[in-house]
């Protein structure tokens, strides 16, 4: 019996058994208004979670302290030796090599070393990436993209962004700014985008673009049931289009056609197994995905269209925190 016991200890120590005990990661979704942190197992199941206000208006020290408190909280009931890594998703731009936030409008950080104080406090490997990439990782590992090898994630809400998994790895590009899908051009001479260009996907197909088109219609003399609302957003346009309002239907036909063109361009460029669509616009369902499919059939190479599946994202509000956890899992392998 003693012989077998010592052999068991030997296997644990020398054959990597201690690594097997590292069964958790911590994911941190750092946003301008809230910090959502979770202890997650390697299957993507949330064990402990906490959400606190970011309090960005109080400065970088308060934000960092709030973030550290959330990590403290989710680690309360586990041994730190069981935690494999910490992943953080943050708005950018970021310097991933140095682990710092270069600048972001909604947070008080400027060239701030975020990774270093976390790694020093917990003595746990810590990784940082932008929020679009971590959302991509979440759907790839735990959501609609699970089982694929090449996947592109597109989020369509206030703006349009995304990320890509190529051959099982996140693709960041030379400056970690790859997949700025919202700033690819689909309409020459189209409306001015926030980036300064004209005719970007974001300027013609985002929730914001749909809302702007609706308000332009309301400023004219056109008859539309959108006049029944005190305030009109993309949501009201989808509702009234479904009820038969011609103006709303025309707005969506244009916007979703341009979105479909953008998605077709992605398919032809990357030849992915899956394109996963998330964000508020995707919640409208069939009307969105039917229009995307129509444009893809028209514009994609046949073998690419036949192979590529377009699916709705599954993880919703948990995409950020689970993506940060996925980052921790993948980077610490």
C-alpha atoms as a PDB file:
ATOM      1  CA  UNK A   1       0.000   0.000   0.000  1.00  0.00           C
ATOM      2  CA  UNK A   2       2.820   2.451   0.902  1.00  0.00           C
ATOM      3  CA  UNK A   3       4.513   1.592  -2.401  1.00  0.00           C
ATOM      4  CA  UNK A   4       1.401   2.567  -4.390  1.00  0.00           C
ATOM      5  CA  UNK A   5       0.981   5.734  -2.351  1.00  0.00           C
ATOM      6  CA  UNK A   6       4.521   6.898  -3.154  1.00  0.00           C
ATOM      7  CA  UNK A   7       4.069   6.001  -6.805  1.00  0.00           C
ATOM      8  CA  UNK A   8       0.894   8.141  -6.846  1.00  0.00           C
ATOM      9  CA  UNK A   9       2.779  11.109  -5.329  1.00  0.00           C
ATOM     10  CA  UNK A  10       5.579  10.581  -7.850  1.00  0.00           C
ATOM     11  CA  UNK A  11       3.097  10.684 -10.737  1.00  0.00           C
ATOM     12  CA  UNK A  12       1.493  13.836  -9.431  1.00  0.00           C
ATOM     13  CA  UNK A  13       4.738  15.680  -8.992  1.00  0.00           C
ATOM     14  CA  UNK A  14       6.931  14.508 -11.859  1.00  0.00           C
ATOM     15  CA  UNK A  15       4.349  13.654 -14.507  1.00  0.00           C
ATOM     16  CA  UNK A  16       2.474  16.937 -14.369  1.00  0.00           C
ATOM     17  CA  UNK A  17      -0.306  15.856 -12.025  1.00  0.00           C
ATOM     18  CA  UNK A  18      -0.120  19.156 -10.147  1.00  0.00           C
ATOM     19  CA  UNK A  19      -1.180  20.937 -13.353  1.00  0.00           C
ATOM     20  CA  UNK A  20      -4.281  18.785 -13.455  1.00  0.00           C
ATOM     21  CA  UNK A  21      -5.359  20.354 -10.186  1.00  0.00           C
ATOM     22  CA  UNK A  22      -5.463  23.794 -11.815  1.00  0.00           C
ATOM     23  CA  UNK A  23      -9.113  23.472 -12.687  1.00  0.00           C
ATOM     24  CA  UNK A  24     -10.253  27.102 -12.645  1.00  0.00           C
ATOM     25  CA  UNK A  25      -9.593  30.411 -14.356  1.00  0.00           C
ATOM     26  CA  UNK A  26     -10.769  33.926 -13.554  1.00  0.00           C
ATOM     27  CA  UNK A  27     -12.442  36.033 -16.230  1.00  0.00           C
ATOM     28  CA  UNK A  28     -12.766  39.814 -15.900  1.00  0.00           C
ATOM     29  CA  UNK A  29     -15.018  41.839 -18.184  1.00  0.00           C
ATOM     30  CA  UNK A  30     -13.853  45.424 -17.656  1.00  0.00           C
ATOM     31  CA  UNK A  31     -16.338  47.958 -18.989  1.00  0.00           C
ATOM     32  CA  UNK A  32     -16.926  51.668 -18.723  1.00  0.00           C
ATOM     33  CA  UNK A  33     -19.886  51.263 -16.341  1.00  0.00           C
ATOM     34  CA  UNK A  34     -19.393  47.859 -14.705  1.00  0.00           C
ATOM     35  CA  UNK A  35     -16.831  45.192 -13.920  1.00  0.00           C
ATOM     36  CA  UNK A  36     -18.123  41.641 -14.237  1.00  0.00           C
ATOM     37  CA  UNK A  37     -15.775  38.999 -12.815  1.00  0.00           C
ATOM     38  CA  UNK A  38     -16.236  35.239 -12.558  1.00  0.00           C
ATOM     39  CA  UNK A  39     -14.471  32.108 -11.408  1.00  0.00           C
ATOM     40  CA  UNK A  40     -14.933  29.651 -14.267  1.00  0.00           C
ATOM     41  CA  UNK A  41     -14.043  25.998 -14.683  1.00  0.00           C
ATOM     42  CA  UNK A  42     -12.373  24.676 -17.817  1.00  0.00           C
ATOM     43  CA  UNK A  43     -15.746  23.687 -19.297  1.00  0.00           C
ATOM     44  CA  UNK A  44     -16.912  27.295 -19.236  1.00  0.00           C
ATOM     45  CA  UNK A  45     -19.215  26.889 -16.242  1.00  0.00           C
ATOM     46  CA  UNK A  46     -19.404  29.868 -13.881  1.00  0.00           C
ATOM     47  CA  UNK A  47     -18.677  28.864 -10.275  1.00  0.00           C
ATOM     48  CA  UNK A  48     -18.678  32.297  -8.607  1.00  0.00           C
ATOM     49  CA  UNK A  49     -19.484  35.718 -10.056  1.00  0.00           C
ATOM     50  CA  UNK A  50     -19.744  39.337  -9.028  1.00  0.00           C
ATOM     51  CA  UNK A  51     -20.617  42.590 -10.772  1.00  0.00           C
ATOM     52  CA  UNK A  52     -19.668  46.016  -9.423  1.00  0.00           C
ATOM     53  CA  UNK A  53     -19.755  49.560 -10.734  1.00  0.00           C
ATOM     54  CA  UNK A  54     -16.551  50.600 -12.472  1.00  0.00           C
ATOM     55  CA  UNK A  55     -16.671  54.147 -11.034  1.00  0.00           C
ATOM     56  CA  UNK A  56     -14.522  55.381 -13.905  1.00  0.00           C
ATOM     57  CA  UNK A  57     -15.181  59.000 -12.960  1.00  0.00           C
ATOM     58  CA  UNK A  58     -13.154  58.480  -9.754  1.00  0.00           C
ATOM     59  CA  UNK A  59      -9.906  57.738 -11.570  1.00  0.00           C
ATOM     60  CA  UNK A  60      -7.617  54.848 -12.371  1.00  0.00           C
ATOM     61  CA  UNK A  61      -6.728  53.898  -8.768  1.00  0.00           C
ATOM     62  CA  UNK A  62     -10.388  53.425  -7.807  1.00  0.00           C
ATOM     63  CA  UNK A  63     -11.089  51.398 -10.955  1.00  0.00           C
ATOM     64  CA  UNK A  64      -8.099  49.152 -10.306  1.00  0.00           C
ATOM     65  CA  UNK A  65      -9.079  48.723  -6.643  1.00  0.00           C
ATOM     66  CA  UNK A  66     -12.624  47.792  -7.675  1.00  0.00           C
ATOM     67  CA  UNK A  67     -11.289  45.261 -10.153  1.00  0.00           C
ATOM     68  CA  UNK A  68      -8.981  43.681  -7.559  1.00  0.00           C
ATOM     69  CA  UNK A  69     -11.834  43.438  -5.063  1.00  0.00           C
ATOM     70  CA  UNK A  70     -13.893  41.452  -7.570  1.00  0.00           C
ATOM     71  CA  UNK A  71     -11.041  39.002  -8.074  1.00  0.00           C
ATOM     72  CA  UNK A  72     -10.619  38.708  -4.293  1.00  0.00           C
ATOM     73  CA  UNK A  73     -14.315  37.922  -3.981  1.00  0.00           C
ATOM     74  CA  UNK A  74     -14.467  35.118  -6.562  1.00  0.00           C
ATOM     75  CA  UNK A  75     -11.315  33.544  -5.128  1.00  0.00           C
ATOM     76  CA  UNK A  76     -12.636  33.506  -1.542  1.00  0.00           C
ATOM     77  CA  UNK A  77     -13.667  29.846  -1.522  1.00  0.00           C
ATOM     78  CA  UNK A  78     -10.878  28.277  -3.576  1.00  0.00           C
ATOM     79  CA  UNK A  79      -7.192  27.683  -3.158  1.00  0.00           C
ATOM     80  CA  UNK A  80      -5.218  29.973  -5.459  1.00  0.00           C
ATOM     81  CA  UNK A  81      -3.115  26.956  -6.408  1.00  0.00           C
ATOM     82  CA  UNK A  82      -6.203  25.650  -8.213  1.00  0.00           C
ATOM     83  CA  UNK A  83      -6.368  28.729 -10.464  1.00  0.00           C
ATOM     84  CA  UNK A  84      -4.580  28.394 -13.759  1.00  0.00           C
ATOM     85  CA  UNK A  85      -4.736  31.989 -15.046  1.00  0.00           C
ATOM     86  CA  UNK A  86      -6.600  35.288 -15.067  1.00  0.00           C
ATOM     87  CA  UNK A  87      -7.983  36.764 -18.296  1.00  0.00           C
ATOM     88  CA  UNK A  88      -9.140  40.360 -18.763  1.00  0.00           C
ATOM     89  CA  UNK A  89     -11.227  41.787 -21.574  1.00  0.00           C
ATOM     90  CA  UNK A  90     -11.056  45.562 -21.927  1.00  0.00           C
ATOM     91  CA  UNK A  91     -11.909  48.282 -24.414  1.00  0.00           C
ATOM     92  CA  UNK A  92      -8.859  49.409 -26.349  1.00  0.00           C
ATOM     93  CA  UNK A  93      -6.547  50.330 -27.842  1.00  0.00           C
ATOM     94  CA  UNK A  94      -4.244  48.099 -25.806  1.00  0.00           C
ATOM     95  CA  UNK A  95      -0.576  47.146 -25.801  1.00  0.00           C
ATOM     96  CA  UNK A  96      -0.856  43.397 -25.316  1.00  0.00           C
ATOM     97  CA  UNK A  97       2.877  42.753 -25.045  1.00  0.00           C
ATOM     98  CA  UNK A  98       3.267  45.238 -22.198  1.00  0.00           C
ATOM     99  CA  UNK A  99      -0.126  44.427 -20.674  1.00  0.00           C
ATOM    100  CA  UNK A 100      -1.337  48.000 -20.622  1.00  0.00           C
ATOM    101  CA  UNK A 101      -4.362  50.034 -21.635  1.00  0.00           C
ATOM    102  CA  UNK A 102      -3.081  52.712 -24.011  1.00  0.00           C
ATOM    103  CA  UNK A 103      -6.259  54.775 -23.986  1.00  0.00           C
ATOM    104  CA  UNK A 104     -10.019  54.319 -24.020  1.00  0.00           C
ATOM    105  CA  UNK A 105     -12.744  56.988 -23.897  1.00  0.00           C
ATOM    106  CA  UNK A 106     -14.835  55.274 -21.204  1.00  0.00           C
ATOM    107  CA  UNK A 107     -12.063  54.495 -18.714  1.00  0.00           C
ATOM    108  CA  UNK A 108      -9.570  56.804 -16.961  1.00  0.00           C
ATOM    109  CA  UNK A 109      -6.508  54.779 -17.985  1.00  0.00           C
ATOM    110  CA  UNK A 110      -3.772  56.184 -20.199  1.00  0.00           C
ATOM    111  CA  UNK A 111      -0.704  54.006 -20.826  1.00  0.00           C
ATOM    112  CA  UNK A 112      -1.674  52.186 -17.628  1.00  0.00           C
ATOM    113  CA  UNK A 113      -0.020  48.881 -16.700  1.00  0.00           C
ATOM    114  CA  UNK A 114      -3.021  46.746 -15.853  1.00  0.00           C
ATOM    115  CA  UNK A 115      -1.534  43.255 -15.980  1.00  0.00           C
ATOM    116  CA  UNK A 116       1.507  43.865 -13.758  1.00  0.00           C
ATOM    117  CA  UNK A 117      -0.273  44.774 -10.469  1.00  0.00           C
ATOM    118  CA  UNK A 118      -2.706  41.870 -10.885  1.00  0.00           C
ATOM    119  CA  UNK A 119       0.036  39.356 -11.574  1.00  0.00           C
ATOM    120  CA  UNK A 120       2.071  40.642  -8.631  1.00  0.00           C
ATOM    121  CA  UNK A 121      -0.881  40.551  -6.217  1.00  0.00           C
ATOM    122  CA  UNK A 122      -2.010  36.997  -6.988  1.00  0.00           C
ATOM    123  CA  UNK A 123       1.119  35.397  -8.474  1.00  0.00           C
ATOM    124  CA  UNK A 124      -1.124  33.948 -11.199  1.00  0.00           C
ATOM    125  CA  UNK A 125      -0.429  34.282 -14.955  1.00  0.00           C
ATOM    126  CA  UNK A 126      -2.549  37.168 -16.260  1.00  0.00           C
ATOM    127  CA  UNK A 127      -3.542  37.984 -19.838  1.00  0.00           C
ATOM    128  CA  UNK A 128      -5.185  41.004 -21.449  1.00  0.00           C
ATOM    129  CA  UNK A 129      -7.050  41.381 -24.752  1.00  0.00           C
ATOM    130  CA  UNK A 130      -9.633  43.699 -26.273  1.00  0.00           C
ATOM    131  CA  UNK A 131     -13.325  43.129 -25.693  1.00  0.00           C
ATOM    132  CA  UNK A 132     -14.074  42.154 -29.314  1.00  0.00           C
ATOM    133  CA  UNK A 133     -11.438  39.409 -29.241  1.00  0.00           C
ATOM    134  CA  UNK A 134     -12.608  37.969 -25.935  1.00  0.00           C
ATOM    135  CA  UNK A 135     -16.228  37.931 -27.134  1.00  0.00           C
ATOM    136  CA  UNK A 136     -14.991  36.017 -30.178  1.00  0.00           C
ATOM    137  CA  UNK A 137     -13.170  33.536 -27.971  1.00  0.00           C
ATOM    138  CA  UNK A 138     -16.258  33.022 -25.823  1.00  0.00           C
ATOM    139  CA  UNK A 139     -18.442  31.993 -28.753  1.00  0.00           C
ATOM    140  CA  UNK A 140     -15.631  29.865 -30.194  1.00  0.00           C
ATOM    141  CA  UNK A 141     -15.000  27.882 -27.026  1.00  0.00           C
ATOM    142  CA  UNK A 142     -18.386  27.847 -25.310  1.00  0.00           C
ATOM    143  CA  UNK A 143     -21.037  29.200 -27.694  1.00  0.00           C
ATOM    144  CA  UNK A 144     -22.275  29.037 -31.276  1.00  0.00           C
ATOM    145  CA  UNK A 145     -18.776  28.542 -32.712  1.00  0.00           C
ATOM    146  CA  UNK A 146     -17.959  25.519 -30.590  1.00  0.00           C
ATOM    147  CA  UNK A 147     -16.491  22.739 -32.718  1.00  0.00           C
ATOM    148  CA  UNK A 148     -15.351  25.007 -35.546  1.00  0.00           C
ATOM    149  CA  UNK A 149     -11.745  25.565 -36.574  1.00  0.00           C
ATOM    150  CA  UNK A 150     -12.122  28.841 -38.465  1.00  0.00           C
ATOM    151  CA  UNK A 151     -14.747  31.241 -37.154  1.00  0.00           C
ATOM    152  CA  UNK A 152     -15.538  34.934 -37.504  1.00  0.00           C
ATOM    153  CA  UNK A 153     -17.602  36.742 -34.882  1.00  0.00           C
ATOM    154  CA  UNK A 154     -19.508  39.899 -35.836  1.00  0.00           C
ATOM    155  CA  UNK A 155     -21.315  42.053 -33.313  1.00  0.00           C
ATOM    156  CA  UNK A 156     -23.911  44.498 -34.621  1.00  0.00           C
ATOM    157  CA  UNK A 157     -25.403  46.997 -32.205  1.00  0.00           C
ATOM    158  CA  UNK A 158     -24.443  50.648 -31.621  1.00  0.00           C
ATOM    159  CA  UNK A 159     -21.429  49.942 -33.811  1.00  0.00           C
ATOM    160  CA  UNK A 160     -20.130  46.973 -35.768  1.00  0.00           C
ATOM    161  CA  UNK A 161     -17.065  45.031 -34.655  1.00  0.00           C
ATOM    162  CA  UNK A 162     -15.696  41.541 -34.604  1.00  0.00           C
ATOM    163  CA  UNK A 163     -12.893  39.062 -34.296  1.00  0.00           C
ATOM    164  CA  UNK A 164     -11.610  35.942 -35.990  1.00  0.00           C
ATOM    165  CA  UNK A 165     -10.367  32.508 -35.035  1.00  0.00           C
ATOM    166  CA  UNK A 166      -8.051  31.064 -37.687  1.00  0.00           C
ATOM    167  CA  UNK A 167      -6.844  27.475 -37.384  1.00  0.00           C
ATOM    168  CA  UNK A 168      -7.992  27.448 -33.765  1.00  0.00           C
ATOM    169  CA  UNK A 169      -6.144  30.628 -32.725  1.00  0.00           C
ATOM    170  CA  UNK A 170      -7.310  34.185 -32.245  1.00  0.00           C
ATOM    171  CA  UNK A 171      -6.148  36.400 -35.111  1.00  0.00           C
ATOM    172  CA  UNK A 172      -5.057  39.840 -33.918  1.00  0.00           C
ATOM    173  CA  UNK A 173      -3.112  41.231 -36.875  1.00  0.00           C
ATOM    174  CA  UNK A 174       0.182  43.120 -36.868  1.00  0.00           C
ATOM    175  CA  UNK A 175      -1.024  45.884 -34.548  1.00  0.00           C
ATOM    176  CA  UNK A 176      -3.700  43.872 -32.650  1.00  0.00           C
ATOM    177  CA  UNK A 177      -6.409  45.791 -34.536  1.00  0.00           C
ATOM    178  CA  UNK A 178      -7.573  43.145 -36.993  1.00  0.00           C
ATOM    179  CA  UNK A 179     -11.227  42.606 -37.874  1.00  0.00           C
ATOM    180  CA  UNK A 180     -12.393  46.207 -37.754  1.00  0.00           C
ATOM    181  CA  UNK A 181     -15.336  44.936 -39.758  1.00  0.00           C
ATOM    182  CA  UNK A 182     -17.404  48.038 -39.100  1.00  0.00           C
ATOM    183  CA  UNK A 183     -14.877  50.168 -40.955  1.00  0.00           C
ATOM    184  CA  UNK A 184     -14.790  48.244 -44.203  1.00  0.00           C
ATOM    185  CA  UNK A 185     -16.444  50.094 -47.087  1.00  0.00           C
ATOM    186  CA  UNK A 186     -19.650  48.732 -48.601  1.00  0.00           C
ATOM    187  CA  UNK A 187     -21.183  51.920 -50.056  1.00  0.00           C
ATOM    188  CA  UNK A 188     -19.014  54.308 -52.059  1.00  0.00           C
ATOM    189  CA  UNK A 189     -20.011  57.867 -51.245  1.00  0.00           C
ATOM    190  CA  UNK A 190     -22.221  56.726 -48.382  1.00  0.00           C
ATOM    191  CA  UNK A 191     -22.810  58.560 -45.102  1.00  0.00           C
ATOM    192  CA  UNK A 192     -19.870  59.751 -43.025  1.00  0.00           C
ATOM    193  CA  UNK A 193     -18.748  57.261 -40.379  1.00  0.00           C
ATOM    194  CA  UNK A 194     -17.416  58.119 -36.928  1.00  0.00           C
ATOM    195  CA  UNK A 195     -13.985  56.966 -38.115  1.00  0.00           C
ATOM    196  CA  UNK A 196     -13.958  59.748 -40.739  1.00  0.00           C
ATOM    197  CA  UNK A 197     -14.446  57.490 -43.767  1.00  0.00           C
ATOM    198  CA  UNK A 198     -17.668  57.269 -45.793  1.00  0.00           C
ATOM    199  CA  UNK A 199     -19.832  54.246 -46.560  1.00  0.00           C
ATOM    200  CA  UNK A 200     -18.496  51.985 -43.787  1.00  0.00           C
ATOM    201  CA  UNK A 201     -20.586  49.019 -42.660  1.00  0.00           C
ATOM    202  CA  UNK A 202     -21.056  50.785 -39.332  1.00  0.00           C
ATOM    203  CA  UNK A 203     -22.378  53.949 -40.985  1.00  0.00           C
ATOM    204  CA  UNK A 204     -25.067  52.102 -42.973  1.00  0.00           C
ATOM    205  CA  UNK A 205     -25.896  48.868 -41.120  1.00  0.00           C
ATOM    206  CA  UNK A 206     -25.477  49.384 -37.357  1.00  0.00           C
ATOM    207  CA  UNK A 207     -28.289  49.988 -34.887  1.00  0.00           C
ATOM    208  CA  UNK A 208     -27.188  53.627 -34.827  1.00  0.00           C
ATOM    209  CA  UNK A 209     -27.399  53.862 -38.631  1.00  0.00           C
ATOM    210  CA  UNK A 210     -30.919  52.390 -38.612  1.00  0.00           C
ATOM    211  CA  UNK A 211     -31.979  54.907 -35.958  1.00  0.00           C
ATOM    212  CA  UNK A 212     -30.523  57.830 -37.962  1.00  0.00           C
ATOM    213  CA  UNK A 213     -32.396  56.761 -41.098  1.00  0.00           C
ATOM    214  CA  UNK A 214     -35.627  56.579 -39.101  1.00  0.00           C
ATOM    215  CA  UNK A 215     -35.148  60.085 -37.703  1.00  0.00           C
ATOM    216  CA  UNK A 216     -34.418  61.423 -41.177  1.00  0.00           C
ATOM    217  CA  UNK A 217     -37.732  59.940 -42.307  1.00  0.00           C
ATOM    218  CA  UNK A 218     -39.523  61.588 -39.392  1.00  0.00           C
ATOM    219  CA  UNK A 219     -38.012  64.952 -40.353  1.00  0.00           C
ATOM    220  CA  UNK A 220     -39.652  64.602 -43.770  1.00  0.00           C
ATOM    221  CA  UNK A 221     -43.345  64.513 -44.646  1.00  0.00           C
ATOM    222  CA  UNK A 222     -43.481  60.775 -45.286  1.00  0.00           C
ATOM    223  CA  UNK A 223     -46.306  58.813 -43.691  1.00  0.00           C
ATOM    224  CA  UNK A 224     -45.027  56.228 -41.229  1.00  0.00           C
ATOM    225  CA  UNK A 225     -46.210  54.545 -38.045  1.00  0.00           C
ATOM    226  CA  UNK A 226     -42.880  55.481 -36.500  1.00  0.00           C
ATOM    227  CA  UNK A 227     -44.575  58.798 -35.652  1.00  0.00           C
ATOM    228  CA  UNK A 228     -46.465  56.941 -32.915  1.00  0.00           C
ATOM    229  CA  UNK A 229     -43.316  56.909 -30.742  1.00  0.00           C
ATOM    230  CA  UNK A 230     -41.861  59.724 -28.661  1.00  0.00           C
ATOM    231  CA  UNK A 231     -38.405  58.348 -29.349  1.00  0.00           C
ATOM    232  CA  UNK A 232     -37.334  56.056 -32.166  1.00  0.00           C
ATOM    233  CA  UNK A 233     -34.444  53.598 -32.045  1.00  0.00           C
ATOM    234  CA  UNK A 234     -33.594  50.588 -34.192  1.00  0.00           C
ATOM    235  CA  UNK A 235     -35.923  48.509 -32.016  1.00  0.00           C
ATOM    236  CA  UNK A 236     -38.981  50.509 -33.057  1.00  0.00           C
ATOM    237  CA  UNK A 237     -37.974  50.265 -36.718  1.00  0.00           C
ATOM    238  CA  UNK A 238     -37.889  46.458 -36.471  1.00  0.00           C
ATOM    239  CA  UNK A 239     -41.245  46.414 -34.666  1.00  0.00           C
ATOM    240  CA  UNK A 240     -42.989  48.607 -37.228  1.00  0.00           C
ATOM    241  CA  UNK A 241     -41.428  46.798 -40.177  1.00  0.00           C
ATOM    242  CA  UNK A 242     -42.930  43.578 -38.844  1.00  0.00           C
ATOM    243  CA  UNK A 243     -46.312  45.329 -38.583  1.00  0.00           C
ATOM    244  CA  UNK A 244     -46.155  46.356 -42.233  1.00  0.00           C
ATOM    245  CA  UNK A 245     -44.843  49.936 -42.125  1.00  0.00           C
ATOM    246  CA  UNK A 246     -43.343  50.537 -45.565  1.00  0.00           C
ATOM    247  CA  UNK A 247     -40.832  53.194 -44.439  1.00  0.00           C
ATOM    248  CA  UNK A 248     -39.470  50.906 -41.711  1.00  0.00           C
ATOM    249  CA  UNK A 249     -39.263  48.020 -44.178  1.00  0.00           C
ATOM    250  CA  UNK A 250     -37.316  50.156 -46.670  1.00  0.00           C
ATOM    251  CA  UNK A 251     -34.884  51.299 -43.979  1.00  0.00           C
ATOM    252  CA  UNK A 252     -34.216  47.720 -42.888  1.00  0.00           C
ATOM    253  CA  UNK A 253     -33.998  46.413 -46.434  1.00  0.00           C
ATOM    254  CA  UNK A 254     -31.163  48.855 -47.160  1.00  0.00           C
ATOM    255  CA  UNK A 255     -29.362  48.450 -43.829  1.00  0.00           C
ATOM    256  CA  UNK A 256     -29.517  44.658 -43.746  1.00  0.00           C
ATOM    257  CA  UNK A 257     -28.480  44.419 -47.405  1.00  0.00           C
ATOM    258  CA  UNK A 258     -25.317  46.349 -46.601  1.00  0.00           C
ATOM    259  CA  UNK A 259     -24.749  44.161 -43.565  1.00  0.00           C
ATOM    260  CA  UNK A 260     -25.140  41.098 -45.792  1.00  0.00           C
ATOM    261  CA  UNK A 261     -22.599  42.513 -48.242  1.00  0.00           C
ATOM    262  CA  UNK A 262     -20.155  42.972 -45.371  1.00  0.00           C
ATOM    263  CA  UNK A 263     -20.746  39.404 -44.175  1.00  0.00           C
ATOM    264  CA  UNK A 264     -20.308  38.057 -47.725  1.00  0.00           C
ATOM    265  CA  UNK A 265     -16.988  39.926 -47.971  1.00  0.00           C
ATOM    266  CA  UNK A 266     -15.884  38.295 -44.717  1.00  0.00           C
ATOM    267  CA  UNK A 267     -16.859  34.854 -45.995  1.00  0.00           C
ATOM    268  CA  UNK A 268     -14.973  35.312 -49.273  1.00  0.00           C
ATOM    269  CA  UNK A 269     -11.924  36.696 -47.437  1.00  0.00           C
ATOM    270  CA  UNK A 270     -11.616  34.107 -44.650  1.00  0.00           C
ATOM    271  CA  UNK A 271     -13.506  31.022 -45.924  1.00  0.00           C
ATOM    272  CA  UNK A 272     -14.637  30.214 -42.338  1.00  0.00           C
ATOM    273  CA  UNK A 273     -16.612  27.249 -41.040  1.00  0.00           C
ATOM    274  CA  UNK A 274     -18.921  29.635 -39.197  1.00  0.00           C
ATOM    275  CA  UNK A 275     -19.802  33.292 -38.968  1.00  0.00           C
ATOM    276  CA  UNK A 276     -21.450  34.050 -35.630  1.00  0.00           C
ATOM    277  CA  UNK A 277     -23.593  37.186 -35.370  1.00  0.00           C
ATOM    278  CA  UNK A 278     -24.189  38.858 -32.008  1.00  0.00           C
ATOM    279  CA  UNK A 279     -25.250  42.246 -30.670  1.00  0.00           C
ATOM    280  CA  UNK A 280     -28.622  43.932 -30.377  1.00  0.00           C
ATOM    281  CA  UNK A 281     -29.469  43.853 -34.097  1.00  0.00           C
ATOM    282  CA  UNK A 282     -29.101  40.058 -34.166  1.00  0.00           C
ATOM    283  CA  UNK A 283     -31.907  39.811 -31.602  1.00  0.00           C
ATOM    284  CA  UNK A 284     -34.378  40.752 -34.357  1.00  0.00           C
ATOM    285  CA  UNK A 285     -33.915  37.210 -35.624  1.00  0.00           C
ATOM    286  CA  UNK A 286     -35.214  35.855 -38.916  1.00  0.00           C
ATOM    287  CA  UNK A 287     -35.433  39.124 -40.853  1.00  0.00           C
ATOM    288  CA  UNK A 288     -31.728  39.772 -40.197  1.00  0.00           C
ATOM    289  CA  UNK A 289     -30.467  36.292 -40.987  1.00  0.00           C
ATOM    290  CA  UNK A 290     -32.658  35.897 -44.084  1.00  0.00           C
ATOM    291  CA  UNK A 291     -31.246  39.097 -45.570  1.00  0.00           C
ATOM    292  CA  UNK A 292     -27.676  38.088 -44.767  1.00  0.00           C
ATOM    293  CA  UNK A 293     -28.275  34.721 -46.429  1.00  0.00           C
ATOM    294  CA  UNK A 294     -29.765  36.405 -49.507  1.00  0.00           C
ATOM    295  CA  UNK A 295     -26.681  38.583 -49.987  1.00  0.00           C
ATOM    296  CA  UNK A 296     -24.301  35.723 -49.298  1.00  0.00           C
ATOM    297  CA  UNK A 297     -25.979  33.538 -51.921  1.00  0.00           C
ATOM    298  CA  UNK A 298     -25.661  36.379 -54.413  1.00  0.00           C
ATOM    299  CA  UNK A 299     -22.075  37.362 -53.634  1.00  0.00           C
ATOM    300  CA  UNK A 300     -20.123  34.434 -52.170  1.00  0.00           C
ATOM    301  CA  UNK A 301     -18.230  31.870 -54.185  1.00  0.00           C
ATOM    302  CA  UNK A 302     -20.430  28.775 -54.314  1.00  0.00           C
ATOM    303  CA  UNK A 303     -18.143  26.418 -52.393  1.00  0.00           C
ATOM    304  CA  UNK A 304     -17.557  29.059 -49.702  1.00  0.00           C
ATOM    305  CA  UNK A 305     -21.293  29.720 -49.326  1.00  0.00           C
ATOM    306  CA  UNK A 306     -22.094  26.004 -49.174  1.00  0.00           C
ATOM    307  CA  UNK A 307     -19.504  25.398 -46.437  1.00  0.00           C
ATOM    308  CA  UNK A 308     -20.038  28.473 -44.233  1.00  0.00           C
ATOM    309  CA  UNK A 309     -22.778  28.434 -41.605  1.00  0.00           C
ATOM    310  CA  UNK A 310     -24.110  31.713 -40.212  1.00  0.00           C
ATOM    311  CA  UNK A 311     -25.484  31.411 -36.693  1.00  0.00           C
ATOM    312  CA  UNK A 312     -26.739  33.649 -33.921  1.00  0.00           C
ATOM    313  CA  UNK A 313     -24.465  34.142 -30.913  1.00  0.00           C
ATOM    314  CA  UNK A 314     -25.550  32.210 -27.823  1.00  0.00           C
ATOM    315  CA  UNK A 315     -23.875  33.792 -24.816  1.00  0.00           C
ATOM    316  CA  UNK A 316     -25.401  37.277 -24.687  1.00  0.00           C
ATOM    317  CA  UNK A 317     -24.372  39.280 -21.620  1.00  0.00           C
ATOM    318  CA  UNK A 318     -21.964  36.585 -20.432  1.00  0.00           C
ATOM    319  CA  UNK A 319     -19.845  36.701 -23.610  1.00  0.00           C
ATOM    320  CA  UNK A 320     -17.360  39.190 -22.145  1.00  0.00           C
ATOM    321  CA  UNK A 321     -16.624  37.383 -18.892  1.00  0.00           C
ATOM    322  CA  UNK A 322     -16.599  33.915 -20.484  1.00  0.00           C
ATOM    323  CA  UNK A 323     -14.387  35.267 -23.253  1.00  0.00           C
ATOM    324  CA  UNK A 324     -11.912  36.560 -20.678  1.00  0.00           C
ATOM    325  CA  UNK A 325     -11.984  33.102 -19.110  1.00  0.00           C
ATOM    326  CA  UNK A 326     -11.435  31.527 -22.531  1.00  0.00           C
ATOM    327  CA  UNK A 327      -8.446  33.849 -23.041  1.00  0.00           C
ATOM    328  CA  UNK A 328      -6.986  32.649 -19.741  1.00  0.00           C
ATOM    329  CA  UNK A 329      -7.463  29.005 -20.725  1.00  0.00           C
ATOM    330  CA  UNK A 330      -5.953  29.319 -24.197  1.00  0.00           C
ATOM    331  CA  UNK A 331      -3.023  31.562 -23.298  1.00  0.00           C
ATOM    332  CA  UNK A 332      -1.970  29.428 -20.327  1.00  0.00           C
ATOM    333  CA  UNK A 333      -1.802  26.132 -22.201  1.00  0.00           C
END
